[in-house]
PDB file of all heavy atoms in Angstrom:
ATOM      1  N   LYS A   1       0.864  -1.204  -0.021  1.00  0.00           N
ATOM      2  CA  LYS A   1       0.010  -0.015   0.011  1.00  0.00           C
ATOM      3  C   LYS A   1       0.848   1.249   0.007  1.00  0.00           C
ATOM      4  O   LYS A   1       0.647   2.184   0.798  1.00  0.00           O
ATOM      5  CB  LYS A   1      -0.956  -0.018   1.177  1.00  0.00           C
ATOM      6  CG  LYS A   1      -1.947  -1.179   1.139  1.00  0.00           C
ATOM      7  CD  LYS A   1      -2.787  -1.229   2.393  1.00  0.00           C
ATOM      8  CE  LYS A   1      -3.739  -2.395   2.400  1.00  0.00           C
ATOM      9  NZ  LYS A   1      -3.127  -3.656   2.811  1.00  0.00           N
ATOM     10  N   CYS A   2       1.841   1.277  -0.886  1.00  0.00           N
ATOM     11  CA  CYS A   2       2.825   2.378  -1.013  1.00  0.00           C
ATOM     12  C   CYS A   2       2.677   3.124  -2.317  1.00  0.00           C
ATOM     13  O   CYS A   2       2.288   2.541  -3.290  1.00  0.00           O
ATOM     14  CB  CYS A   2       4.270   1.844  -0.909  1.00  0.00           C
ATOM     15  SG  CYS A   2       4.758   1.365   0.700  1.00  0.00           S
ATOM     16  N   PRO A   3       3.014   4.387  -2.308  1.00  0.00           N
ATOM     17  CA  PRO A   3       3.026   5.136  -3.606  1.00  0.00           C
ATOM     18  C   PRO A   3       4.176   4.634  -4.485  1.00  0.00           C
ATOM     19  O   PRO A   3       5.142   4.022  -4.035  1.00  0.00           O
ATOM     20  CB  PRO A   3       3.325   6.565  -3.152  1.00  0.00           C
ATOM     21  CG  PRO A   3       3.852   6.487  -1.771  1.00  0.00           C
ATOM     22  CD  PRO A   3       3.407   5.198  -1.186  1.00  0.00           C
ATOM     23  N   SER A   4       4.015   4.866  -5.820  1.00  0.00           N
ATOM     24  CA  SER A   4       4.944   4.253  -6.754  1.00  0.00           C
ATOM     25  C   SER A   4       6.361   4.798  -6.670  1.00  0.00           C
ATOM     26  O   SER A   4       7.279   4.124  -7.099  1.00  0.00           O
ATOM     27  CB  SER A   4       4.408   4.490  -8.197  1.00  0.00           C
ATOM     28  OG  SER A   4       4.324   5.894  -8.474  1.00  0.00           O
ATOM     29  N   ARG A   5       6.563   5.966  -6.132  1.00  0.00           N
ATOM     30  CA  ARG A   5       7.938   6.470  -6.004  1.00  0.00           C
ATOM     31  C   ARG A   5       8.544   6.260  -4.650  1.00  0.00           C
ATOM     32  O   ARG A   5       9.604   6.828  -4.356  1.00  0.00           O
ATOM     33  CB  ARG A   5       7.916   7.929  -6.375  1.00  0.00           C
ATOM     34  CG  ARG A   5       7.459   8.195  -7.803  1.00  0.00           C
ATOM     35  CD  ARG A   5       7.894   9.560  -8.230  1.00  0.00           C
ATOM     36  NE  ARG A   5       7.376   9.840  -9.544  1.00  0.00           N
ATOM     37  CZ  ARG A   5       8.125   9.728 -10.648  1.00  0.00           C
ATOM     38  NH1 ARG A   5       9.366   9.329 -10.576  1.00  0.00           N
ATOM     39  NH2 ARG A   5       7.570   9.949 -11.875  1.00  0.00           N
ATOM     40  N   GLN A   6       7.905   5.412  -3.841  1.00  0.00           N
ATOM     41  CA  GLN A   6       8.429   5.140  -2.496  1.00  0.00           C
ATOM     42  C   GLN A   6       9.799   4.512  -2.576  1.00  0.00           C
ATOM     43  O   GLN A   6       9.989   3.467  -3.259  1.00  0.00           O
ATOM     44  CB  GLN A   6       7.479   4.229  -1.740  1.00  0.00           C
ATOM     45  CG  GLN A   6       7.948   3.742  -0.401  1.00  0.00           C
ATOM     46  CD  GLN A   6       7.964   4.845   0.658  1.00  0.00           C
ATOM     47  OE1 GLN A   6       6.972   5.411   0.928  1.00  0.00           O
ATOM     48  NE2 GLN A   6       9.114   5.152   1.208  1.00  0.00           N
ATOM     49  N   LYS A   7      10.767   5.042  -1.873  1.00  0.00           N
ATOM     50  CA  LYS A   7      12.137   4.465  -1.818  1.00  0.00           C
ATOM     51  C   LYS A   7      12.080   3.195  -0.949  1.00  0.00           C
ATOM     52  O   LYS A   7      11.427   3.197   0.092  1.00  0.00           O
ATOM     53  CB  LYS A   7      13.089   5.507  -1.177  1.00  0.00           C
ATOM     54  CG  LYS A   7      14.526   5.217  -1.206  1.00  0.00           C
ATOM     55  CD  LYS A   7      15.288   6.398  -0.637  1.00  0.00           C
ATOM     56  CE  LYS A   7      16.782   6.126  -0.650  1.00  0.00           C
ATOM     57  NZ  LYS A   7      17.512   7.285  -0.043  1.00  0.00           N
ATOM     58  N   MET A   8      12.710   2.162  -1.444  1.00  0.00           N
ATOM     59  CA  MET A   8      12.643   0.850  -0.729  1.00  0.00           C
ATOM     60  C   MET A   8      14.023   0.290  -0.478  1.00  0.00           C
ATOM     61  O   MET A   8      14.926   0.387  -1.330  1.00  0.00           O
ATOM     62  CB  MET A   8      11.955  -0.221  -1.656  1.00  0.00           C
ATOM     63  CG  MET A   8      10.539   0.032  -2.015  1.00  0.00           C
ATOM     64  SD  MET A   8       9.474  -0.523  -0.666  1.00  0.00           S
ATOM     65  CE  MET A   8       7.913   0.148  -1.309  1.00  0.00           C
ATOM     66  N   LEU A   9      14.187  -0.322   0.671  1.00  0.00           N
ATOM     67  CA  LEU A   9      15.375  -1.150   0.931  1.00  0.00           C
ATOM     68  C   LEU A   9      15.049  -2.492   0.416  1.00  0.00           C
ATOM     69  O   LEU A   9      14.032  -3.155   0.834  1.00  0.00           O
ATOM     70  CB  LEU A   9      15.683  -1.210   2.425  1.00  0.00           C
ATOM     71  CG  LEU A   9      16.827  -2.103   2.856  1.00  0.00           C
ATOM     72  CD1 LEU A   9      18.159  -1.524   2.323  1.00  0.00           C
ATOM     73  CD2 LEU A   9      16.929  -2.263   4.365  1.00  0.00           C
ATOM     74  N   VAL A  10      15.782  -2.992  -0.582  1.00  0.00           N
ATOM     75  CA  VAL A  10      15.561  -4.223  -1.274  1.00  0.00           C
ATOM     76  C   VAL A  10      16.670  -5.215  -0.765  1.00  0.00           C
ATOM     77  O   VAL A  10      17.844  -4.859  -0.909  1.00  0.00           O
ATOM     78  CB  VAL A  10      15.538  -4.130  -2.776  1.00  0.00           C
ATOM     79  CG1 VAL A  10      15.306  -5.497  -3.395  1.00  0.00           C
ATOM     80  CG2 VAL A  10      14.487  -3.128  -3.254  1.00  0.00           C
ATOM     81  N   ARG A  11      16.254  -6.405  -0.258  1.00  0.00           N
ATOM     82  CA  ARG A  11      17.224  -7.378   0.215  1.00  0.00           C
ATOM     83  C   ARG A  11      16.896  -8.693  -0.465  1.00  0.00           C
ATOM     84  O   ARG A  11      15.790  -9.175  -0.411  1.00  0.00           O
ATOM     85  CB  ARG A  11      17.136  -7.524   1.707  1.00  0.00           C
ATOM     86  CG  ARG A  11      18.108  -8.486   2.313  1.00  0.00           C
ATOM     87  CD  ARG A  11      18.043  -8.390   3.837  1.00  0.00           C
ATOM     88  NE  ARG A  11      19.085  -9.175   4.436  1.00  0.00           N
ATOM     89  CZ  ARG A  11      18.909 -10.353   5.067  1.00  0.00           C
ATOM     90  NH1 ARG A  11      17.724 -10.866   5.119  1.00  0.00           N
ATOM     91  NH2 ARG A  11      19.909 -10.977   5.573  1.00  0.00           N
ATOM     92  N   GLU A  12      17.891  -9.296  -1.184  1.00  0.00           N
ATOM     93  CA  GLU A  12      17.699 -10.563  -1.793  1.00  0.00           C
ATOM     94  C   GLU A  12      18.794 -11.512  -1.277  1.00  0.00           C
ATOM     95  O   GLU A  12      19.962 -11.157  -1.205  1.00  0.00           O
ATOM     96  CB  GLU A  12      17.827 -10.429  -3.336  1.00  0.00           C
ATOM     97  CG  GLU A  12      16.673  -9.569  -3.903  1.00  0.00           C
ATOM     98  CD  GLU A  12      16.870  -9.298  -5.370  1.00  0.00           C
ATOM     99  OE1 GLU A  12      18.000  -9.029  -5.813  1.00  0.00           O
ATOM    100  OE2 GLU A  12      15.837  -9.322  -6.046  1.00  0.00           O
ATOM    101  N   VAL A  13      18.325 -12.687  -0.822  1.00  0.00           N
ATOM    102  CA  VAL A  13      19.218 -13.666  -0.230  1.00  0.00           C
ATOM    103  C   VAL A  13      18.870 -15.062  -0.698  1.00  0.00           C
ATOM    104  O   VAL A  13      17.788 -15.310  -1.229  1.00  0.00           O
ATOM    105  CB  VAL A  13      19.162 -13.645   1.332  1.00  0.00           C
ATOM    106  CG1 VAL A  13      19.513 -12.286   1.893  1.00  0.00           C
ATOM    107  CG2 VAL A  13      17.767 -14.084   1.823  1.00  0.00           C
ATOM    108  N   ILE A  14      19.770 -15.963  -0.495  1.00  0.00           N
ATOM    109  CA  ILE A  14      19.541 -17.402  -0.666  1.00  0.00           C
ATOM    110  C   ILE A  14      19.626 -18.021   0.739  1.00  0.00           C
ATOM    111  O   ILE A  14      20.600 -17.789   1.487  1.00  0.00           O
ATOM    112  CB  ILE A  14      20.626 -18.089  -1.538  1.00  0.00           C
ATOM    113  CG1 ILE A  14      20.615 -17.474  -2.965  1.00  0.00           C
ATOM    114  CG2 ILE A  14      20.393 -19.630  -1.626  1.00  0.00           C
ATOM    115  CD1 ILE A  14      19.362 -17.713  -3.732  1.00  0.00           C
ATOM    116  N   LEU A  15      18.606 -18.746   1.119  1.00  0.00           N
ATOM    117  CA  LEU A  15      18.599 -19.530   2.330  1.00  0.00           C
ATOM    118  C   LEU A  15      19.088 -20.919   1.995  1.00  0.00           C
ATOM    119  O   LEU A  15      18.518 -21.557   1.144  1.00  0.00           O
ATOM    120  CB  LEU A  15      17.174 -19.579   2.922  1.00  0.00           C
ATOM    121  CG  LEU A  15      16.486 -18.216   3.166  1.00  0.00           C
ATOM    122  CD1 LEU A  15      15.059 -18.389   3.692  1.00  0.00           C
ATOM    123  CD2 LEU A  15      17.358 -17.361   4.106  1.00  0.00           C
ATOM    124  N   LYS A  16      20.187 -21.254   2.652  1.00  0.00           N
ATOM    125  CA  LYS A  16      20.861 -22.529   2.267  1.00  0.00           C
ATOM    126  C   LYS A  16      20.690 -23.541   3.399  1.00  0.00           C
ATOM    127  O   LYS A  16      20.818 -23.253   4.578  1.00  0.00           O
ATOM    128  CB  LYS A  16      22.329 -22.285   2.023  1.00  0.00           C
ATOM    129  CG  LYS A  16      22.582 -21.431   0.754  1.00  0.00           C
ATOM    130  CD  LYS A  16      24.076 -21.368   0.489  1.00  0.00           C
ATOM    131  CE  LYS A  16      24.311 -21.033  -0.942  1.00  0.00           C
ATOM    132  NZ  LYS A  16      25.720 -21.269  -1.327  1.00  0.00           N
ATOM    133  N   GLY A  17      20.493 -24.786   3.002  1.00  0.00           N
ATOM    134  CA  GLY A  17      20.489 -25.911   3.906  1.00  0.00           C
ATOM    135  C   GLY A  17      21.403 -26.962   3.469  1.00  0.00           C
ATOM    136  O   GLY A  17      21.433 -27.276   2.312  1.00  0.00           O
ATOM    137  N   ARG A  18      22.238 -27.448   4.373  1.00  0.00           N
ATOM    138  CA  ARG A  18      23.194 -28.509   4.080  1.00  0.00           C
ATOM    139  C   ARG A  18      24.062 -28.093   2.878  1.00  0.00           C
ATOM    140  O   ARG A  18      24.413 -28.935   2.031  1.00  0.00           O
ATOM    141  CB  ARG A  18      22.477 -29.827   3.816  1.00  0.00           C
ATOM    142  CG  ARG A  18      21.730 -30.324   5.000  1.00  0.00           C
ATOM    143  CD  ARG A  18      21.120 -31.696   4.703  1.00  0.00           C
ATOM    144  NE  ARG A  18      19.900 -31.804   5.447  1.00  0.00           N
ATOM    145  CZ  ARG A  18      18.749 -32.289   4.956  1.00  0.00           C
ATOM    146  NH1 ARG A  18      18.683 -32.725   3.762  1.00  0.00           N
ATOM    147  NH2 ARG A  18      17.673 -32.336   5.701  1.00  0.00           N
ATOM    148  N   GLY A  19      24.357 -26.829   2.763  1.00  0.00           N
ATOM    149  CA  GLY A  19      25.197 -26.336   1.687  1.00  0.00           C
ATOM    150  C   GLY A  19      24.533 -26.085   0.344  1.00  0.00           C
ATOM    151  O   GLY A  19      25.183 -25.709  -0.611  1.00  0.00           O
ATOM    152  N   GLU A  20      23.263 -26.402   0.249  1.00  0.00           N
ATOM    153  CA  GLU A  20      22.515 -26.288  -0.951  1.00  0.00           C
ATOM    154  C   GLU A  20      21.580 -25.050  -0.949  1.00  0.00           C
ATOM    155  O   GLU A  20      21.095 -24.710   0.093  1.00  0.00           O
ATOM    156  CB  GLU A  20      21.655 -27.532  -1.213  1.00  0.00           C
ATOM    157  CG  GLU A  20      22.527 -28.782  -1.368  1.00  0.00           C
ATOM    158  CD  GLU A  20      21.620 -30.024  -1.535  1.00  0.00           C
ATOM    159  OE1 GLU A  20      20.551 -30.068  -0.877  1.00  0.00           O
ATOM    160  OE2 GLU A  20      22.090 -30.972  -2.211  1.00  0.00           O
ATOM    161  N   SER A  21      21.376 -24.514  -2.119  1.00  0.00           N
ATOM    162  CA  SER A  21      20.461 -23.326  -2.231  1.00  0.00           C
ATOM    163  C   SER A  21      19.009 -23.863  -2.186  1.00  0.00           C
ATOM    164  O   SER A  21      18.518 -24.471  -3.116  1.00  0.00           O
ATOM    165  CB  SER A  21      20.738 -22.622  -3.608  1.00  0.00           C
ATOM    166  OG  SER A  21      21.980 -22.072  -3.628  1.00  0.00           O
ATOM    167  N   TRP A  22      18.301 -23.514  -1.082  1.00  0.00           N
ATOM    168  CA  TRP A  22      16.968 -24.007  -0.902  1.00  0.00           C
ATOM    169  C   TRP A  22      15.884 -23.013  -1.205  1.00  0.00           C
ATOM    170  O   TRP A  22      14.852 -23.344  -1.730  1.00  0.00           O
ATOM    171  CB  TRP A  22      16.822 -24.508   0.565  1.00  0.00           C
ATOM    172  CG  TRP A  22      17.330 -25.852   0.783  1.00  0.00           C
ATOM    173  CD1 TRP A  22      17.967 -26.673  -0.132  1.00  0.00           C
ATOM    174  CD2 TRP A  22      17.284 -26.624   2.020  1.00  0.00           C
ATOM    175  NE1 TRP A  22      18.306 -27.898   0.539  1.00  0.00           N
ATOM    176  CE2 TRP A  22      17.913 -27.818   1.775  1.00  0.00           C
ATOM    177  CE3 TRP A  22      16.850 -26.293   3.287  1.00  0.00           C
ATOM    178  CZ2 TRP A  22      18.046 -28.780   2.773  1.00  0.00           C
ATOM    179  CZ3 TRP A  22      16.997 -27.234   4.274  1.00  0.00           C
ATOM    180  CH2 TRP A  22      17.589 -28.479   4.067  1.00  0.00           C
ATOM    181  N   VAL A  23      16.067 -21.725  -0.821  1.00  0.00           N
ATOM    182  CA  VAL A  23      15.033 -20.703  -0.946  1.00  0.00           C
ATOM    183  C   VAL A  23      15.659 -19.396  -1.426  1.00  0.00           C
ATOM    184  O   VAL A  23      16.654 -18.984  -0.840  1.00  0.00           O
ATOM    185  CB  VAL A  23      14.291 -20.516   0.348  1.00  0.00           C
ATOM    186  CG1 VAL A  23      13.234 -19.398   0.284  1.00  0.00           C
ATOM    187  CG2 VAL A  23      13.552 -21.836   0.764  1.00  0.00           C
ATOM    188  N   PHE A  24      15.044 -18.809  -2.436  1.00  0.00           N
ATOM    189  CA  PHE A  24      15.374 -17.410  -2.771  1.00  0.00           C
ATOM    190  C   PHE A  24      14.404 -16.540  -2.050  1.00  0.00           C
ATOM    191  O   PHE A  24      13.189 -16.738  -2.148  1.00  0.00           O
ATOM    192  CB  PHE A  24      15.236 -17.206  -4.306  1.00  0.00           C
ATOM    193  CG  PHE A  24      15.294 -15.769  -4.704  1.00  0.00           C
ATOM    194  CD1 PHE A  24      16.495 -15.055  -4.696  1.00  0.00           C
ATOM    195  CD2 PHE A  24      14.090 -15.091  -5.070  1.00  0.00           C
ATOM    196  CE1 PHE A  24      16.515 -13.672  -4.987  1.00  0.00           C
ATOM    197  CE2 PHE A  24      14.108 -13.748  -5.463  1.00  0.00           C
ATOM    198  CZ  PHE A  24      15.343 -13.068  -5.412  1.00  0.00           C
ATOM    199  N   ALA A  25      14.891 -15.564  -1.319  1.00  0.00           N
ATOM    200  CA  ALA A  25      14.022 -14.661  -0.556  1.00  0.00           C
ATOM    201  C   ALA A  25      14.273 -13.208  -0.917  1.00  0.00           C
ATOM    202  O   ALA A  25      15.471 -12.776  -1.124  1.00  0.00           O
ATOM    203  CB  ALA A  25      14.247 -14.826   0.957  1.00  0.00           C
ATOM    204  N   ARG A  26      13.198 -12.452  -1.173  1.00  0.00           N
ATOM    205  CA  ARG A  26      13.252 -11.067  -1.521  1.00  0.00           C
ATOM    206  C   ARG A  26      12.436 -10.319  -0.530  1.00  0.00           C
ATOM    207  O   ARG A  26      11.253 -10.600  -0.332  1.00  0.00           O
ATOM    208  CB  ARG A  26      12.718 -10.897  -2.918  1.00  0.00           C
ATOM    209  CG  ARG A  26      12.604  -9.441  -3.409  1.00  0.00           C
ATOM    210  CD  ARG A  26      12.171  -9.382  -4.863  1.00  0.00           C
ATOM    211  NE  ARG A  26      11.670  -8.092  -5.254  1.00  0.00           N
ATOM    212  CZ  ARG A  26      12.379  -7.047  -5.613  1.00  0.00           C
ATOM    213  NH1 ARG A  26      13.692  -7.142  -5.652  1.00  0.00           N
ATOM    214  NH2 ARG A  26      11.794  -5.924  -5.958  1.00  0.00           N
ATOM    215  N   SER A  27      13.033  -9.303   0.126  1.00  0.00           N
ATOM    216  CA  SER A  27      12.375  -8.485   1.155  1.00  0.00           C
ATOM    217  C   SER A  27      12.381  -7.029   0.690  1.00  0.00           C
ATOM    218  O   SER A  27      13.422  -6.591   0.200  1.00  0.00           O
ATOM    219  CB  SER A  27      13.010  -8.630   2.486  1.00  0.00           C
ATOM    220  OG  SER A  27      13.136  -9.996   2.843  1.00  0.00           O
ATOM    221  N   LEU A  28      11.288  -6.374   0.908  1.00  0.00           N
ATOM    222  CA  LEU A  28      11.200  -4.940   0.570  1.00  0.00           C
ATOM    223  C   LEU A  28      10.743  -4.150   1.829  1.00  0.00           C
ATOM    224  O   LEU A  28       9.682  -4.532   2.363  1.00  0.00           O
ATOM    225  CB  LEU A  28      10.267  -4.700  -0.581  1.00  0.00           C
ATOM    226  CG  LEU A  28      10.755  -5.183  -1.887  1.00  0.00           C
ATOM    227  CD1 LEU A  28      10.035  -6.471  -2.267  1.00  0.00           C
ATOM    228  CD2 LEU A  28      10.586  -4.127  -2.933  1.00  0.00           C
ATOM    229  N   VAL A  29      11.455  -3.147   2.166  1.00  0.00           N
ATOM    230  CA  VAL A  29      11.113  -2.327   3.378  1.00  0.00           C
ATOM    231  C   VAL A  29      11.023  -0.950   2.886  1.00  0.00           C
ATOM    232  O   VAL A  29      12.027  -0.297   2.472  1.00  0.00           O
ATOM    233  CB  VAL A  29      12.167  -2.483   4.491  1.00  0.00           C
ATOM    234  CG1 VAL A  29      11.655  -1.709   5.710  1.00  0.00           C
ATOM    235  CG2 VAL A  29      12.463  -3.919   4.751  1.00  0.00           C
ATOM    236  N   PRO A  30       9.802  -0.309   2.913  1.00  0.00           N
ATOM    237  CA  PRO A  30       9.691   1.118   2.532  1.00  0.00           C
ATOM    238  C   PRO A  30      10.636   1.948   3.472  1.00  0.00           C
ATOM    239  O   PRO A  30      10.785   1.653   4.632  1.00  0.00           O
ATOM    240  CB  PRO A  30       8.246   1.461   2.818  1.00  0.00           C
ATOM    241  CG  PRO A  30       7.507   0.108   2.761  1.00  0.00           C
ATOM    242  CD  PRO A  30       8.515  -0.852   3.293  1.00  0.00           C
ATOM    243  N   TYR A  31      11.183   3.000   2.886  1.00  0.00           N
ATOM    244  CA  TYR A  31      12.087   3.881   3.633  1.00  0.00           C
ATOM    245  C   TYR A  31      11.336   4.396   4.871  1.00  0.00           C
ATOM    246  O   TYR A  31      11.997   4.512   5.926  1.00  0.00           O
ATOM    247  CB  TYR A  31      12.515   5.065   2.727  1.00  0.00           C
ATOM    248  CG  TYR A  31      13.312   6.100   3.397  1.00  0.00           C
ATOM    249  CD1 TYR A  31      14.628   5.891   3.634  1.00  0.00           C
ATOM    250  CD2 TYR A  31      12.747   7.306   3.823  1.00  0.00           C
ATOM    251  CE1 TYR A  31      15.405   6.854   4.278  1.00  0.00           C
ATOM    252  CE2 TYR A  31      13.484   8.270   4.439  1.00  0.00           C
ATOM    253  CZ  TYR A  31      14.824   8.068   4.650  1.00  0.00           C
ATOM    254  OH  TYR A  31      15.573   8.957   5.316  1.00  0.00           O
ATOM    255  N   THR A  32      10.055   4.685   4.746  1.00  0.00           N
ATOM    256  CA  THR A  32       9.306   5.180   5.911  1.00  0.00           C
ATOM    257  C   THR A  32       9.148   4.181   7.015  1.00  0.00           C
ATOM    258  O   THR A  32       8.757   4.563   8.124  1.00  0.00           O
ATOM    259  CB  THR A  32       7.936   5.689   5.407  1.00  0.00           C
ATOM    260  OG1 THR A  32       7.294   4.652   4.748  1.00  0.00           O
ATOM    261  CG2 THR A  32       8.067   6.899   4.515  1.00  0.00           C
ATOM    262  N   SER A  33       9.374   2.855   6.740  1.00  0.00           N
ATOM    263  CA  SER A  33       9.273   1.849   7.753  1.00  0.00           C
ATOM    264  C   SER A  33      10.552   1.665   8.580  1.00  0.00           C
ATOM    265  O   SER A  33      10.537   0.936   9.552  1.00  0.00           O
ATOM    266  CB  SER A  33       8.844   0.516   7.115  1.00  0.00           C
ATOM    267  OG  SER A  33       7.530   0.540   6.692  1.00  0.00           O
ATOM    268  N   LEU A  34      11.644   2.192   8.076  1.00  0.00           N
ATOM    269  CA  LEU A  34      12.970   1.946   8.723  1.00  0.00           C
ATOM    270  C   LEU A  34      13.171   2.837   9.963  1.00  0.00           C
ATOM    271  O   LEU A  34      14.096   3.580  10.063  1.00  0.00           O
ATOM    272  CB  LEU A  34      14.062   2.131   7.703  1.00  0.00           C
ATOM    273  CG  LEU A  34      14.167   1.061   6.642  1.00  0.00           C
ATOM    274  CD1 LEU A  34      15.096   1.491   5.520  1.00  0.00           C
ATOM    275  CD2 LEU A  34      14.537  -0.256   7.245  1.00  0.00           C
ATOM    276  N   THR A  35      12.235   2.707  10.898  1.00  0.00           N
ATOM    277  CA  THR A  35      12.261   3.442  12.160  1.00  0.00           C
ATOM    278  C   THR A  35      12.111   2.476  13.272  1.00  0.00           C
ATOM    279  O   THR A  35      11.755   1.315  13.091  1.00  0.00           O
ATOM    280  CB  THR A  35      11.178   4.520  12.238  1.00  0.00           C
ATOM    281  OG1 THR A  35       9.919   3.805  12.187  1.00  0.00           O
ATOM    282  CG2 THR A  35      11.230   5.521  11.077  1.00  0.00           C
ATOM    283  N   GLY A  36      12.386   2.888  14.478  1.00  0.00           N
ATOM    284  CA  GLY A  36      12.261   2.053  15.633  1.00  0.00           C
ATOM    285  C   GLY A  36      13.000   0.721  15.537  1.00  0.00           C
ATOM    286  O   GLY A  36      14.148   0.654  15.108  1.00  0.00           O
ATOM    287  N   ARG A  37      12.277  -0.342  15.848  1.00  0.00           N
ATOM    288  CA  ARG A  37      12.904  -1.667  15.809  1.00  0.00           C
ATOM    289  C   ARG A  37      13.245  -2.081  14.422  1.00  0.00           C
ATOM    290  O   ARG A  37      14.143  -2.980  14.249  1.00  0.00           O
ATOM    291  CB  ARG A  37      11.981  -2.658  16.478  1.00  0.00           C
ATOM    292  CG  ARG A  37      11.731  -2.367  17.938  1.00  0.00           C
ATOM    293  CD  ARG A  37      10.979  -3.478  18.673  1.00  0.00           C
ATOM    294  NE  ARG A  37       9.704  -3.786  18.112  1.00  0.00           N
ATOM    295  CZ  ARG A  37       8.553  -3.321  18.654  1.00  0.00           C
ATOM    296  NH1 ARG A  37       8.550  -2.598  19.724  1.00  0.00           N
ATOM    297  NH2 ARG A  37       7.426  -3.681  18.122  1.00  0.00           N
ATOM    298  N   LEU A  38      12.622  -1.592  13.385  1.00  0.00           N
ATOM    299  CA  LEU A  38      12.965  -1.980  11.992  1.00  0.00           C
ATOM    300  C   LEU A  38      14.194  -1.346  11.542  1.00  0.00           C
ATOM    301  O   LEU A  38      14.736  -1.720  10.423  1.00  0.00           O
ATOM    302  CB  LEU A  38      11.788  -1.656  11.065  1.00  0.00           C
ATOM    303  CG  LEU A  38      10.549  -2.580  11.201  1.00  0.00           C
ATOM    304  CD1 LEU A  38       9.530  -2.199  10.206  1.00  0.00           C
ATOM    305  CD2 LEU A  38      10.989  -4.044  10.951  1.00  0.00           C
ATOM    306  N   LYS A  39      14.752  -0.385  12.220  1.00  0.00           N
ATOM    307  CA  LYS A  39      16.069   0.195  11.788  1.00  0.00           C
ATOM    308  C   LYS A  39      17.172  -0.894  11.651  1.00  0.00           C
ATOM    309  O   LYS A  39      18.028  -0.773  10.820  1.00  0.00           O
ATOM    310  CB  LYS A  39      16.559   1.241  12.836  1.00  0.00           C
ATOM    311  CG  LYS A  39      16.400   2.645  12.427  1.00  0.00           C
ATOM    312  CD  LYS A  39      17.053   3.504  13.481  1.00  0.00           C
ATOM    313  CE  LYS A  39      16.668   4.912  13.207  1.00  0.00           C
ATOM    314  NZ  LYS A  39      17.182   5.862  14.222  1.00  0.00           N
ATOM    315  N   ALA A  40      17.020  -1.932  12.440  1.00  0.00           N
ATOM    316  CA  ALA A  40      18.052  -2.999  12.469  1.00  0.00           C
ATOM    317  C   ALA A  40      18.053  -3.691  11.113  1.00  0.00           C
ATOM    318  O   ALA A  40      19.100  -4.350  10.759  1.00  0.00           O
ATOM    319  CB  ALA A  40      17.709  -4.049  13.575  1.00  0.00           C
ATOM    320  N   LEU A  41      17.047  -3.583  10.256  1.00  0.00           N
ATOM    321  CA  LEU A  41      16.966  -4.337   8.968  1.00  0.00           C
ATOM    322  C   LEU A  41      18.087  -3.824   8.069  1.00  0.00           C
ATOM    323  O   LEU A  41      18.524  -4.546   7.172  1.00  0.00           O
ATOM    324  CB  LEU A  41      15.645  -4.126   8.334  1.00  0.00           C
ATOM    325  CG  LEU A  41      14.447  -4.745   9.043  1.00  0.00           C
ATOM    326  CD1 LEU A  41      13.160  -4.551   8.252  1.00  0.00           C
ATOM    327  CD2 LEU A  41      14.681  -6.219   9.271  1.00  0.00           C
ATOM    328  N   LYS A  42      18.543  -2.564   8.261  1.00  0.00           N
ATOM    329  CA  LYS A  42      19.611  -2.053   7.352  1.00  0.00           C
ATOM    330  C   LYS A  42      20.916  -2.780   7.603  1.00  0.00           C
ATOM    331  O   LYS A  42      21.817  -2.668   6.789  1.00  0.00           O
ATOM    332  CB  LYS A  42      19.794  -0.561   7.573  1.00  0.00           C
ATOM    333  CG  LYS A  42      18.621   0.311   7.143  1.00  0.00           C
ATOM    334  CD  LYS A  42      18.946   1.774   7.177  1.00  0.00           C
ATOM    335  CE  LYS A  42      18.804   2.316   8.577  1.00  0.00           C
ATOM    336  NZ  LYS A  42      18.963   3.797   8.629  1.00  0.00           N
TER     337      LYS A  42
END
């Protein structure tokens, strides 16, 4: 529910199990959400 020009922190990772690539994960955090406890996401 964000406007189209909202600045986002984009994080892409591979979750690995037993040395193998199991899950591709993509997380998006709007700039306006990076306050309080969510600051740690940076």
